[in-house]
């Protein structure tokens, strides 16, 4: 399992830096939260690429998502994983079905499906209703 301590850093590094689609300057220029207009500085963009901790707010995450051209939910999940130590995924391996149900559970990354019988029971109950 990848180290959760650097999930947001890894996401940014996939897109920004030498040999990547975006330079630090281009990333910083594109990083404008579409809701609030919040921007990040070139210095903050560089700190993200280097893996330094920054002050995270919903507006900063919106700016990062815009700068990367990635969905906000992806950036939020990476930040939650890196800063809080919680992952959002489907620990049960739910197969896609005709009803388009998507299972996502926020949980400690060390916990497996077998460690969450109450969550499984809840999902099973919801499926029957």
C-alpha atoms as a PDB file:
ATOM      1  CA  UNK A   1       0.000   0.000   0.000  1.00  0.00           C
ATOM      2  CA  UNK A   2       1.388   3.430  -0.895  1.00  0.00           C
ATOM      3  CA  UNK A   3       2.287   5.693   1.967  1.00  0.00           C
ATOM      4  CA  UNK A   4      -0.821   7.709   2.818  1.00  0.00           C
ATOM      5  CA  UNK A   5       1.374  10.492   4.195  1.00  0.00           C
ATOM      6  CA  UNK A   6       2.040  11.796   0.700  1.00  0.00           C
ATOM      7  CA  UNK A   7      -1.184  11.248  -1.281  1.00  0.00           C
ATOM      8  CA  UNK A   8      -1.738  14.911  -2.192  1.00  0.00           C
ATOM      9  CA  UNK A   9       1.966  15.370  -2.872  1.00  0.00           C
ATOM     10  CA  UNK A  10       1.965  12.381  -5.244  1.00  0.00           C
ATOM     11  CA  UNK A  11      -1.120  13.691  -7.040  1.00  0.00           C
ATOM     12  CA  UNK A  12       0.492  17.097  -7.572  1.00  0.00           C
ATOM     13  CA  UNK A  13       3.837  15.568  -8.584  1.00  0.00           C
ATOM     14  CA  UNK A  14       2.111  13.466 -11.267  1.00  0.00           C
ATOM     15  CA  UNK A  15       1.127  16.690 -13.040  1.00  0.00           C
ATOM     16  CA  UNK A  16       3.567  19.406 -11.994  1.00  0.00           C
ATOM     17  CA  UNK A  17       7.321  19.762 -12.295  1.00  0.00           C
ATOM     18  CA  UNK A  18      10.139  19.003 -14.649  1.00  0.00           C
ATOM     19  CA  UNK A  19       9.104  16.480 -17.299  1.00  0.00           C
ATOM     20  CA  UNK A  20       5.428  16.800 -16.333  1.00  0.00           C
ATOM     21  CA  UNK A  21       2.561  18.466 -18.209  1.00  0.00           C
ATOM     22  CA  UNK A  22       2.680  21.616 -16.038  1.00  0.00           C
ATOM     23  CA  UNK A  23       5.488  23.791 -14.763  1.00  0.00           C
ATOM     24  CA  UNK A  24       5.184  25.119 -11.217  1.00  0.00           C
ATOM     25  CA  UNK A  25       4.474  28.584 -12.671  1.00  0.00           C
ATOM     26  CA  UNK A  26       1.737  27.290 -15.010  1.00  0.00           C
ATOM     27  CA  UNK A  27       0.159  25.296 -12.183  1.00  0.00           C
ATOM     28  CA  UNK A  28       0.120  28.354  -9.895  1.00  0.00           C
ATOM     29  CA  UNK A  29      -1.406  30.507 -12.645  1.00  0.00           C
ATOM     30  CA  UNK A  30      -4.183  27.970 -13.300  1.00  0.00           C
ATOM     31  CA  UNK A  31      -4.840  27.363  -9.583  1.00  0.00           C
ATOM     32  CA  UNK A  32      -7.887  29.550  -9.015  1.00  0.00           C
ATOM     33  CA  UNK A  33     -10.827  28.203  -7.025  1.00  0.00           C
ATOM     34  CA  UNK A  34     -13.821  28.675  -9.338  1.00  0.00           C
ATOM     35  CA  UNK A  35     -16.188  29.364  -6.434  1.00  0.00           C
ATOM     36  CA  UNK A  36     -14.253  31.792  -4.232  1.00  0.00           C
ATOM     37  CA  UNK A  37     -11.543  33.056  -6.566  1.00  0.00           C
ATOM     38  CA  UNK A  38      -8.892  31.923  -4.054  1.00  0.00           C
ATOM     39  CA  UNK A  39      -5.468  31.428  -5.630  1.00  0.00           C
ATOM     40  CA  UNK A  40      -2.236  29.812  -4.523  1.00  0.00           C
ATOM     41  CA  UNK A  41       1.132  31.465  -4.913  1.00  0.00           C
ATOM     42  CA  UNK A  42       4.012  30.101  -6.953  1.00  0.00           C
ATOM     43  CA  UNK A  43       5.750  29.497  -3.614  1.00  0.00           C
ATOM     44  CA  UNK A  44       2.811  27.423  -2.337  1.00  0.00           C
ATOM     45  CA  UNK A  45       2.697  25.523  -5.635  1.00  0.00           C
ATOM     46  CA  UNK A  46       6.407  24.773  -5.262  1.00  0.00           C
ATOM     47  CA  UNK A  47       5.889  23.647  -1.672  1.00  0.00           C
ATOM     48  CA  UNK A  48       3.182  21.229  -2.812  1.00  0.00           C
ATOM     49  CA  UNK A  49       5.515  19.743  -5.430  1.00  0.00           C
ATOM     50  CA  UNK A  50       8.271  19.354  -2.833  1.00  0.00           C
ATOM     51  CA  UNK A  51       5.916  17.653  -0.382  1.00  0.00           C
ATOM     52  CA  UNK A  52       5.930  20.409   2.224  1.00  0.00           C
ATOM     53  CA  UNK A  53       2.806  20.794   4.336  1.00  0.00           C
ATOM     54  CA  UNK A  54       0.616  23.775   3.498  1.00  0.00           C
ATOM     55  CA  UNK A  55      -2.464  25.262   5.127  1.00  0.00           C
ATOM     56  CA  UNK A  56      -5.432  23.428   3.633  1.00  0.00           C
ATOM     57  CA  UNK A  57      -8.841  25.043   3.270  1.00  0.00           C
ATOM     58  CA  UNK A  58     -11.748  24.107   1.017  1.00  0.00           C
ATOM     59  CA  UNK A  59     -10.852  27.077  -1.195  1.00  0.00           C
ATOM     60  CA  UNK A  60      -7.202  26.029  -1.478  1.00  0.00           C
ATOM     61  CA  UNK A  61      -8.298  22.520  -2.463  1.00  0.00           C
ATOM     62  CA  UNK A  62     -10.581  24.056  -5.090  1.00  0.00           C
ATOM     63  CA  UNK A  63      -7.630  26.049  -6.432  1.00  0.00           C
ATOM     64  CA  UNK A  64      -5.389  22.971  -6.505  1.00  0.00           C
ATOM     65  CA  UNK A  65      -8.069  20.993  -8.380  1.00  0.00           C
ATOM     66  CA  UNK A  66      -8.442  23.802 -10.920  1.00  0.00           C
ATOM     67  CA  UNK A  67      -4.672  24.089 -11.307  1.00  0.00           C
ATOM     68  CA  UNK A  68      -4.306  20.379 -11.924  1.00  0.00           C
ATOM     69  CA  UNK A  69      -7.424  20.135 -14.077  1.00  0.00           C
ATOM     70  CA  UNK A  70      -8.616  17.293 -11.849  1.00  0.00           C
ATOM     71  CA  UNK A  71     -11.980  16.747 -10.137  1.00  0.00           C
ATOM     72  CA  UNK A  72     -12.303  18.454  -6.766  1.00  0.00           C
ATOM     73  CA  UNK A  73     -13.363  15.150  -5.185  1.00  0.00           C
ATOM     74  CA  UNK A  74     -10.040  13.556  -6.221  1.00  0.00           C
ATOM     75  CA  UNK A  75      -8.035  16.392  -4.664  1.00  0.00           C
ATOM     76  CA  UNK A  76     -10.184  16.337  -1.513  1.00  0.00           C
ATOM     77  CA  UNK A  77      -9.683  12.573  -1.117  1.00  0.00           C
ATOM     78  CA  UNK A  78      -5.903  12.909  -1.563  1.00  0.00           C
ATOM     79  CA  UNK A  79      -5.761  15.744   0.983  1.00  0.00           C
ATOM     80  CA  UNK A  80      -7.864  13.777   3.456  1.00  0.00           C
ATOM     81  CA  UNK A  81      -5.573  10.788   3.036  1.00  0.00           C
ATOM     82  CA  UNK A  82      -2.398  12.844   3.489  1.00  0.00           C
ATOM     83  CA  UNK A  83      -3.507  15.275   6.183  1.00  0.00           C
ATOM     84  CA  UNK A  84      -6.009  13.201   8.175  1.00  0.00           C
ATOM     85  CA  UNK A  85      -4.901   9.621   7.452  1.00  0.00           C
ATOM     86  CA  UNK A  86      -8.304   8.514   6.162  1.00  0.00           C
ATOM     87  CA  UNK A  87      -8.966   6.978   2.761  1.00  0.00           C
ATOM     88  CA  UNK A  88     -12.195   6.964   0.791  1.00  0.00           C
ATOM     89  CA  UNK A  89     -12.624   3.843  -1.296  1.00  0.00           C
ATOM     90  CA  UNK A  90     -14.626   0.646  -1.672  1.00  0.00           C
ATOM     91  CA  UNK A  91     -13.061  -1.812   0.777  1.00  0.00           C
ATOM     92  CA  UNK A  92     -15.648  -4.419  -0.221  1.00  0.00           C
ATOM     93  CA  UNK A  93     -14.820  -4.619  -3.925  1.00  0.00           C
ATOM     94  CA  UNK A  94     -18.445  -4.029  -4.887  1.00  0.00           C
ATOM     95  CA  UNK A  95     -18.935  -5.044  -8.517  1.00  0.00           C
ATOM     96  CA  UNK A  96     -20.604  -2.485 -10.759  1.00  0.00           C
ATOM     97  CA  UNK A  97     -24.278  -3.251 -11.179  1.00  0.00           C
ATOM     98  CA  UNK A  98     -27.226  -2.233 -13.261  1.00  0.00           C
ATOM     99  CA  UNK A  99     -28.368   0.188 -10.576  1.00  0.00           C
ATOM    100  CA  UNK A 100     -25.178   2.311 -10.736  1.00  0.00           C
ATOM    101  CA  UNK A 101     -24.661   2.134  -6.963  1.00  0.00           C
ATOM    102  CA  UNK A 102     -21.239   3.357  -5.943  1.00  0.00           C
ATOM    103  CA  UNK A 103     -19.834   2.333  -2.571  1.00  0.00           C
ATOM    104  CA  UNK A 104     -17.308   4.656  -0.960  1.00  0.00           C
ATOM    105  CA  UNK A 105     -16.371   4.428   2.691  1.00  0.00           C
ATOM    106  CA  UNK A 106     -14.086   6.767   4.634  1.00  0.00           C
ATOM    107  CA  UNK A 107     -11.868   4.588   6.794  1.00  0.00           C
ATOM    108  CA  UNK A 108      -8.458   4.060   8.336  1.00  0.00           C
ATOM    109  CA  UNK A 109      -6.284   2.660   5.511  1.00  0.00           C
ATOM    110  CA  UNK A 110      -5.132  -0.201   7.748  1.00  0.00           C
ATOM    111  CA  UNK A 111      -8.707  -1.522   8.017  1.00  0.00           C
ATOM    112  CA  UNK A 112      -9.884  -4.144   5.553  1.00  0.00           C
ATOM    113  CA  UNK A 113     -13.406  -5.170   4.644  1.00  0.00           C
ATOM    114  CA  UNK A 114     -13.374  -7.940   7.249  1.00  0.00           C
ATOM    115  CA  UNK A 115     -12.645  -5.329   9.919  1.00  0.00           C
ATOM    116  CA  UNK A 116     -15.877  -3.462   9.110  1.00  0.00           C
ATOM    117  CA  UNK A 117     -18.791  -5.867   9.582  1.00  0.00           C
ATOM    118  CA  UNK A 118     -21.129  -3.091  10.727  1.00  0.00           C
ATOM    119  CA  UNK A 119     -20.485  -1.093   7.570  1.00  0.00           C
ATOM    120  CA  UNK A 120     -21.074  -4.196   5.435  1.00  0.00           C
ATOM    121  CA  UNK A 121     -24.341  -4.882   7.287  1.00  0.00           C
ATOM    122  CA  UNK A 122     -25.454  -1.296   6.720  1.00  0.00           C
ATOM    123  CA  UNK A 123     -24.732  -1.533   2.997  1.00  0.00           C
ATOM    124  CA  UNK A 124     -26.502  -4.881   2.741  1.00  0.00           C
ATOM    125  CA  UNK A 125     -29.543  -3.447   4.544  1.00  0.00           C
ATOM    126  CA  UNK A 126     -29.589  -0.366   2.279  1.00  0.00           C
ATOM    127  CA  UNK A 127     -29.388  -2.587  -0.801  1.00  0.00           C
ATOM    128  CA  UNK A 128     -32.466  -4.552   0.283  1.00  0.00           C
ATOM    129  CA  UNK A 129     -34.552  -1.384   0.767  1.00  0.00           C
END
